[in-house]
């Protein structure tokens, strides 16, 4: 990163952002803050990965199944309570501080890399 905070193209390309489809979502009662455990299918190359997501304010578990999301798939696994998180599902905080998922606006094959 440069002194002014900009990054180069190579830095950006090191972050592996992929489209995944939520195959299951369930409450995560052991989490410190309200969260769900998501199982996200990132296609045949990467398979299904687990993630903890603090998205309970705007989404019900059953409404998440089948949705496309964008996830970072090359972070190391992270222990979150009893869950080993294997990816980071991305989103944006709204005006109230609740997370809204980052999602493609059309159908994209799971595993497709963001460029």
N, C-alpha and C. Protein backbone atom coordinates (compact mmCIF):
# COMPACT_ATOMS: atom_id res chain seq x y z
N UNK A 1 0.85 -1.16 0.00
CA UNK A 1 0.00 0.00 0.00
C UNK A 1 0.90 1.23 0.00
N UNK A 2 0.51 2.23 -0.76
CA UNK A 2 1.30 3.45 -0.83
C UNK A 2 0.97 4.37 0.35
N UNK A 3 1.74 5.43 0.48
CA UNK A 3 1.56 6.38 1.58
C UNK A 3 0.17 7.02 1.56
N UNK A 4 -0.43 7.16 0.37
CA UNK A 4 -1.75 7.79 0.30
C UNK A 4 -2.90 6.79 0.45
N UNK A 5 -2.56 5.51 0.72
CA UNK A 5 -3.59 4.50 0.97
C UNK A 5 -4.04 3.75 -0.27
N UNK A 6 -3.53 4.09 -1.45
CA UNK A 6 -3.94 3.36 -2.64
C UNK A 6 -3.21 2.02 -2.72
N UNK A 7 -3.84 1.08 -3.40
CA UNK A 7 -3.22 -0.23 -3.60
C UNK A 7 -3.02 -0.44 -5.10
N UNK A 8 -2.15 -1.36 -5.42
CA UNK A 8 -1.93 -1.71 -6.81
C UNK A 8 -2.86 -2.83 -7.25
N UNK A 9 -2.94 -3.04 -8.56
CA UNK A 9 -3.77 -4.10 -9.11
C UNK A 9 -3.39 -5.46 -8.53
N UNK A 10 -2.10 -5.68 -8.35
CA UNK A 10 -1.62 -6.96 -7.80
C UNK A 10 -2.17 -7.20 -6.40
N UNK A 11 -2.25 -6.13 -5.59
CA UNK A 11 -2.82 -6.26 -4.23
C UNK A 11 -4.28 -6.69 -4.30
N UNK A 12 -5.04 -6.05 -5.18
CA UNK A 12 -6.45 -6.38 -5.33
C UNK A 12 -6.63 -7.82 -5.79
N UNK A 13 -5.81 -8.26 -6.72
CA UNK A 13 -5.95 -9.61 -7.27
C UNK A 13 -5.60 -10.70 -6.26
N UNK A 14 -4.93 -10.36 -5.19
CA UNK A 14 -4.62 -11.36 -4.17
C UNK A 14 -5.86 -11.73 -3.34
N UNK A 15 -6.88 -10.87 -3.33
CA UNK A 15 -8.12 -11.16 -2.62
C UNK A 15 -9.01 -11.96 -3.56
N UNK A 16 -9.31 -13.20 -3.19
CA UNK A 16 -10.10 -14.09 -4.04
C UNK A 16 -11.57 -13.97 -3.65
N UNK A 17 -12.30 -13.14 -4.39
CA UNK A 17 -13.73 -12.92 -4.18
C UNK A 17 -14.50 -13.76 -5.18
N UNK A 18 -15.39 -14.62 -4.65
CA UNK A 18 -16.15 -15.53 -5.51
C UNK A 18 -17.64 -15.47 -5.21
N UNK A 19 -18.43 -15.79 -6.22
CA UNK A 19 -19.87 -15.93 -6.04
C UNK A 19 -20.15 -17.31 -5.47
N UNK A 20 -21.04 -17.34 -4.49
CA UNK A 20 -21.49 -18.60 -3.93
C UNK A 20 -22.99 -18.60 -3.74
N UNK A 21 -23.57 -19.79 -3.66
CA UNK A 21 -25.01 -19.92 -3.41
C UNK A 21 -25.21 -20.51 -2.03
N UNK A 22 -26.02 -19.83 -1.21
CA UNK A 22 -26.32 -20.31 0.14
C UNK A 22 -27.15 -21.58 0.01
N UNK A 23 -26.63 -22.68 0.58
CA UNK A 23 -27.36 -23.94 0.53
C UNK A 23 -28.07 -24.23 1.86
N UNK A 24 -27.60 -23.62 2.95
CA UNK A 24 -28.33 -23.72 4.22
C UNK A 24 -27.93 -22.56 5.12
N UNK A 25 -28.85 -22.22 5.99
CA UNK A 25 -28.63 -21.15 6.97
C UNK A 25 -29.36 -21.53 8.24
N UNK A 26 -28.67 -21.39 9.36
CA UNK A 26 -29.28 -21.76 10.64
C UNK A 26 -28.81 -20.80 11.72
N UNK A 27 -29.60 -20.62 12.76
CA UNK A 27 -29.17 -19.76 13.86
C UNK A 27 -27.86 -20.26 14.47
N UNK A 28 -27.08 -19.33 14.98
CA UNK A 28 -25.79 -19.63 15.61
C UNK A 28 -25.87 -19.10 17.05
N UNK A 29 -26.56 -19.84 17.94
CA UNK A 29 -26.81 -19.34 19.30
C UNK A 29 -25.55 -19.13 20.12
N UNK A 30 -24.44 -19.80 19.78
CA UNK A 30 -23.20 -19.65 20.54
C UNK A 30 -22.43 -18.37 20.18
N UNK A 31 -22.82 -17.69 19.13
CA UNK A 31 -22.13 -16.46 18.72
C UNK A 31 -22.36 -15.36 19.75
N UNK A 32 -21.36 -14.49 19.91
CA UNK A 32 -21.48 -13.37 20.88
C UNK A 32 -22.57 -12.40 20.47
N UNK A 33 -22.65 -12.11 19.18
CA UNK A 33 -23.71 -11.25 18.64
C UNK A 33 -24.58 -12.11 17.73
N UNK A 34 -25.85 -11.75 17.59
CA UNK A 34 -26.75 -12.58 16.77
C UNK A 34 -26.15 -12.85 15.39
N UNK A 35 -26.16 -14.13 14.99
CA UNK A 35 -25.55 -14.53 13.73
C UNK A 35 -26.19 -15.82 13.24
N UNK A 36 -25.92 -16.11 11.97
CA UNK A 36 -26.30 -17.37 11.37
C UNK A 36 -25.03 -18.12 10.95
N UNK A 37 -25.15 -19.44 10.88
CA UNK A 37 -24.14 -20.27 10.23
C UNK A 37 -24.64 -20.49 8.81
N UNK A 38 -23.84 -20.06 7.85
CA UNK A 38 -24.18 -20.24 6.44
C UNK A 38 -23.31 -21.34 5.84
N UNK A 39 -23.89 -22.17 5.01
CA UNK A 39 -23.15 -23.12 4.18
C UNK A 39 -23.31 -22.59 2.75
N UNK A 40 -22.19 -22.24 2.14
CA UNK A 40 -22.21 -21.58 0.84
C UNK A 40 -21.46 -22.44 -0.18
N UNK A 41 -22.14 -22.74 -1.29
CA UNK A 41 -21.55 -23.53 -2.37
C UNK A 41 -20.83 -22.60 -3.33
N UNK A 42 -19.49 -22.74 -3.39
CA UNK A 42 -18.66 -21.94 -4.28
C UNK A 42 -18.26 -22.71 -5.53
N UNK A 43 -19.06 -23.68 -5.93
CA UNK A 43 -18.82 -24.40 -7.18
C UNK A 43 -17.91 -25.59 -7.03
N UNK A 44 -17.71 -26.33 -8.13
CA UNK A 44 -16.98 -27.59 -8.07
C UNK A 44 -15.52 -27.45 -7.64
N UNK A 45 -14.87 -26.35 -7.95
CA UNK A 45 -13.46 -26.17 -7.58
C UNK A 45 -13.27 -26.01 -6.08
N UNK A 46 -14.16 -25.27 -5.42
CA UNK A 46 -14.00 -24.94 -4.00
C UNK A 46 -14.97 -25.67 -3.09
N UNK A 47 -16.12 -26.08 -3.60
CA UNK A 47 -17.09 -26.79 -2.80
C UNK A 47 -17.86 -25.90 -1.82
N UNK A 48 -18.45 -26.54 -0.82
CA UNK A 48 -19.27 -25.84 0.18
C UNK A 48 -18.38 -25.43 1.34
N UNK A 49 -18.51 -24.17 1.74
CA UNK A 49 -17.74 -23.64 2.87
C UNK A 49 -18.70 -23.03 3.89
N UNK A 50 -18.26 -23.06 5.16
CA UNK A 50 -19.06 -22.52 6.26
C UNK A 50 -18.61 -21.11 6.61
N UNK A 51 -19.56 -20.30 7.06
CA UNK A 51 -19.26 -18.94 7.50
C UNK A 51 -20.24 -18.52 8.58
N UNK A 52 -19.79 -17.70 9.49
CA UNK A 52 -20.66 -17.05 10.46
C UNK A 52 -21.00 -15.67 9.90
N UNK A 53 -22.27 -15.31 9.91
CA UNK A 53 -22.70 -14.04 9.34
C UNK A 53 -23.66 -13.33 10.29
N UNK A 54 -23.30 -12.10 10.66
CA UNK A 54 -24.15 -11.29 11.53
C UNK A 54 -25.15 -10.51 10.68
N UNK A 55 -26.11 -11.22 10.15
CA UNK A 55 -27.07 -10.64 9.20
C UNK A 55 -28.51 -10.87 9.64
N UNK A 56 -28.71 -11.07 10.94
CA UNK A 56 -30.04 -11.45 11.44
C UNK A 56 -31.05 -10.32 11.39
N UNK A 57 -30.61 -9.07 11.31
CA UNK A 57 -31.55 -7.94 11.31
C UNK A 57 -32.38 -7.87 10.03
N UNK A 58 -31.81 -8.28 8.91
CA UNK A 58 -32.49 -8.13 7.62
C UNK A 58 -32.88 -9.44 6.94
N UNK A 59 -32.40 -10.56 7.45
CA UNK A 59 -32.62 -11.82 6.74
C UNK A 59 -33.07 -12.91 7.70
N UNK A 60 -34.04 -13.69 7.27
CA UNK A 60 -34.44 -14.90 7.99
C UNK A 60 -33.68 -16.07 7.36
N UNK A 61 -33.34 -17.09 8.13
CA UNK A 61 -32.57 -18.20 7.57
C UNK A 61 -33.18 -18.80 6.31
N UNK A 62 -34.48 -19.04 6.33
CA UNK A 62 -35.13 -19.67 5.18
C UNK A 62 -35.11 -18.79 3.94
N UNK A 63 -35.05 -17.47 4.12
CA UNK A 63 -35.00 -16.55 2.97
C UNK A 63 -33.60 -16.49 2.34
N UNK A 64 -32.59 -16.97 3.05
CA UNK A 64 -31.22 -16.94 2.54
C UNK A 64 -30.91 -18.10 1.60
N UNK A 65 -31.58 -19.22 1.81
CA UNK A 65 -31.30 -20.42 1.01
C UNK A 65 -31.60 -20.13 -0.47
N UNK A 66 -30.60 -20.40 -1.30
CA UNK A 66 -30.73 -20.17 -2.74
C UNK A 66 -30.18 -18.83 -3.21
N UNK A 67 -29.93 -17.92 -2.27
CA UNK A 67 -29.39 -16.59 -2.66
C UNK A 67 -27.93 -16.69 -3.05
N UNK A 68 -27.57 -15.85 -4.01
CA UNK A 68 -26.17 -15.70 -4.37
C UNK A 68 -25.54 -14.65 -3.48
N UNK A 69 -24.31 -14.91 -3.05
CA UNK A 69 -23.57 -13.97 -2.21
C UNK A 69 -22.15 -13.87 -2.75
N UNK A 70 -21.41 -12.88 -2.28
CA UNK A 70 -20.01 -12.72 -2.64
C UNK A 70 -19.19 -13.00 -1.39
N UNK A 71 -18.19 -13.88 -1.52
CA UNK A 71 -17.37 -14.24 -0.37
C UNK A 71 -15.89 -14.19 -0.68
N UNK A 72 -15.09 -13.91 0.34
CA UNK A 72 -13.64 -14.02 0.25
C UNK A 72 -13.30 -15.46 0.62
N UNK A 73 -12.64 -16.17 -0.29
CA UNK A 73 -12.39 -17.59 -0.07
C UNK A 73 -10.93 -17.92 0.19
N UNK A 74 -10.06 -16.91 0.27
CA UNK A 74 -8.64 -17.23 0.52
C UNK A 74 -8.11 -16.64 1.82
N UNK A 75 -8.99 -16.35 2.77
CA UNK A 75 -8.56 -16.07 4.13
C UNK A 75 -8.30 -17.41 4.81
N UNK A 76 -7.40 -17.45 5.80
CA UNK A 76 -7.24 -18.71 6.54
C UNK A 76 -8.50 -18.98 7.37
N UNK A 77 -8.80 -20.23 7.65
CA UNK A 77 -9.95 -20.54 8.52
C UNK A 77 -9.82 -19.81 9.86
N UNK A 78 -10.99 -19.43 10.41
CA UNK A 78 -11.01 -18.69 11.67
C UNK A 78 -12.00 -19.35 12.62
N UNK A 79 -11.54 -19.61 13.84
CA UNK A 79 -12.42 -20.22 14.85
C UNK A 79 -13.33 -19.14 15.42
N UNK A 80 -14.64 -19.36 15.33
CA UNK A 80 -15.63 -18.45 15.90
C UNK A 80 -16.50 -19.30 16.82
N UNK A 81 -16.18 -19.27 18.11
CA UNK A 81 -16.85 -20.16 19.04
C UNK A 81 -16.62 -21.59 18.60
N UNK A 82 -17.69 -22.40 18.51
CA UNK A 82 -17.52 -23.80 18.10
C UNK A 82 -17.41 -23.98 16.58
N UNK A 83 -17.54 -22.89 15.81
CA UNK A 83 -17.53 -22.98 14.35
C UNK A 83 -16.17 -22.60 13.78
N UNK A 84 -15.68 -23.38 12.83
CA UNK A 84 -14.50 -23.02 12.06
C UNK A 84 -15.00 -22.37 10.77
N UNK A 85 -14.89 -21.04 10.71
CA UNK A 85 -15.34 -20.30 9.53
C UNK A 85 -14.33 -20.47 8.41
N UNK A 86 -14.82 -20.80 7.21
CA UNK A 86 -13.95 -21.11 6.08
C UNK A 86 -13.97 -20.07 4.97
N UNK A 87 -14.78 -19.05 5.13
CA UNK A 87 -14.85 -17.96 4.16
C UNK A 87 -15.47 -16.75 4.84
N UNK A 88 -15.38 -15.61 4.18
CA UNK A 88 -16.01 -14.38 4.69
C UNK A 88 -17.06 -13.93 3.69
N UNK A 89 -18.32 -13.98 4.09
CA UNK A 89 -19.40 -13.49 3.25
C UNK A 89 -19.43 -11.97 3.40
N UNK A 90 -19.46 -11.26 2.27
CA UNK A 90 -19.32 -9.80 2.30
C UNK A 90 -20.66 -9.09 2.39
N UNK A 91 -20.61 -7.86 2.91
CA UNK A 91 -21.79 -7.03 3.02
C UNK A 91 -21.42 -5.62 3.39
N UNK A 92 -22.43 -4.80 3.51
CA UNK A 92 -22.27 -3.38 3.84
C UNK A 92 -23.15 -3.03 5.03
N UNK A 93 -22.65 -2.18 5.91
CA UNK A 93 -23.47 -1.70 7.03
C UNK A 93 -24.43 -0.64 6.53
N UNK A 94 -25.70 -0.75 6.93
CA UNK A 94 -26.67 0.28 6.59
C UNK A 94 -26.60 1.41 7.62
N UNK A 95 -27.50 2.36 7.54
CA UNK A 95 -27.49 3.53 8.43
C UNK A 95 -27.65 3.14 9.89
N UNK A 96 -28.26 1.99 10.16
CA UNK A 96 -28.47 1.54 11.53
C UNK A 96 -27.36 0.60 12.02
N UNK A 97 -26.37 0.36 11.16
CA UNK A 97 -25.26 -0.52 11.54
C UNK A 97 -25.51 -1.99 11.30
N UNK A 98 -26.62 -2.32 10.63
CA UNK A 98 -26.93 -3.72 10.31
C UNK A 98 -26.37 -4.05 8.93
N UNK A 99 -26.00 -5.31 8.75
CA UNK A 99 -25.34 -5.72 7.50
C UNK A 99 -26.36 -6.11 6.43
N UNK A 100 -26.13 -5.57 5.23
CA UNK A 100 -26.85 -5.95 4.01
C UNK A 100 -25.85 -6.71 3.14
N UNK A 101 -26.23 -7.87 2.68
CA UNK A 101 -25.32 -8.71 1.90
C UNK A 101 -24.95 -8.08 0.56
N UNK A 102 -23.75 -8.37 0.13
CA UNK A 102 -23.28 -8.01 -1.20
C UNK A 102 -23.67 -9.17 -2.11
N UNK A 103 -24.52 -8.90 -3.12
CA UNK A 103 -25.04 -9.96 -3.97
C UNK A 103 -25.02 -9.53 -5.42
N UNK A 104 -24.75 -10.46 -6.35
CA UNK A 104 -24.86 -10.13 -7.77
C UNK A 104 -26.32 -9.77 -8.10
N UNK A 105 -26.52 -8.93 -9.10
CA UNK A 105 -27.89 -8.54 -9.44
C UNK A 105 -28.51 -9.44 -10.51
N UNK A 106 -27.83 -10.53 -10.83
CA UNK A 106 -28.35 -11.50 -11.77
C UNK A 106 -27.72 -12.85 -11.50
N UNK A 107 -28.10 -13.85 -12.32
CA UNK A 107 -27.60 -15.20 -12.11
C UNK A 107 -26.15 -15.31 -12.57
N UNK A 108 -25.30 -15.79 -11.67
CA UNK A 108 -23.87 -16.01 -11.94
C UNK A 108 -23.54 -17.40 -11.37
N UNK A 109 -22.74 -18.15 -12.09
CA UNK A 109 -22.41 -19.51 -11.65
C UNK A 109 -21.59 -19.48 -10.36
N UNK A 110 -21.94 -20.30 -9.37
CA UNK A 110 -21.13 -20.41 -8.17
C UNK A 110 -19.66 -20.71 -8.51
N UNK A 111 -18.77 -20.01 -7.85
CA UNK A 111 -17.35 -20.18 -8.09
C UNK A 111 -16.76 -19.11 -8.99
N UNK A 112 -17.62 -18.33 -9.65
CA UNK A 112 -17.14 -17.27 -10.53
C UNK A 112 -16.38 -16.24 -9.72
N UNK A 113 -15.20 -15.87 -10.20
CA UNK A 113 -14.34 -14.92 -9.48
C UNK A 113 -14.68 -13.49 -9.88
N UNK A 114 -14.69 -12.60 -8.89
CA UNK A 114 -14.90 -11.19 -9.15
C UNK A 114 -13.63 -10.62 -9.75
N UNK A 115 -13.76 -9.88 -10.83
CA UNK A 115 -12.63 -9.24 -11.49
C UNK A 115 -12.88 -7.76 -11.64
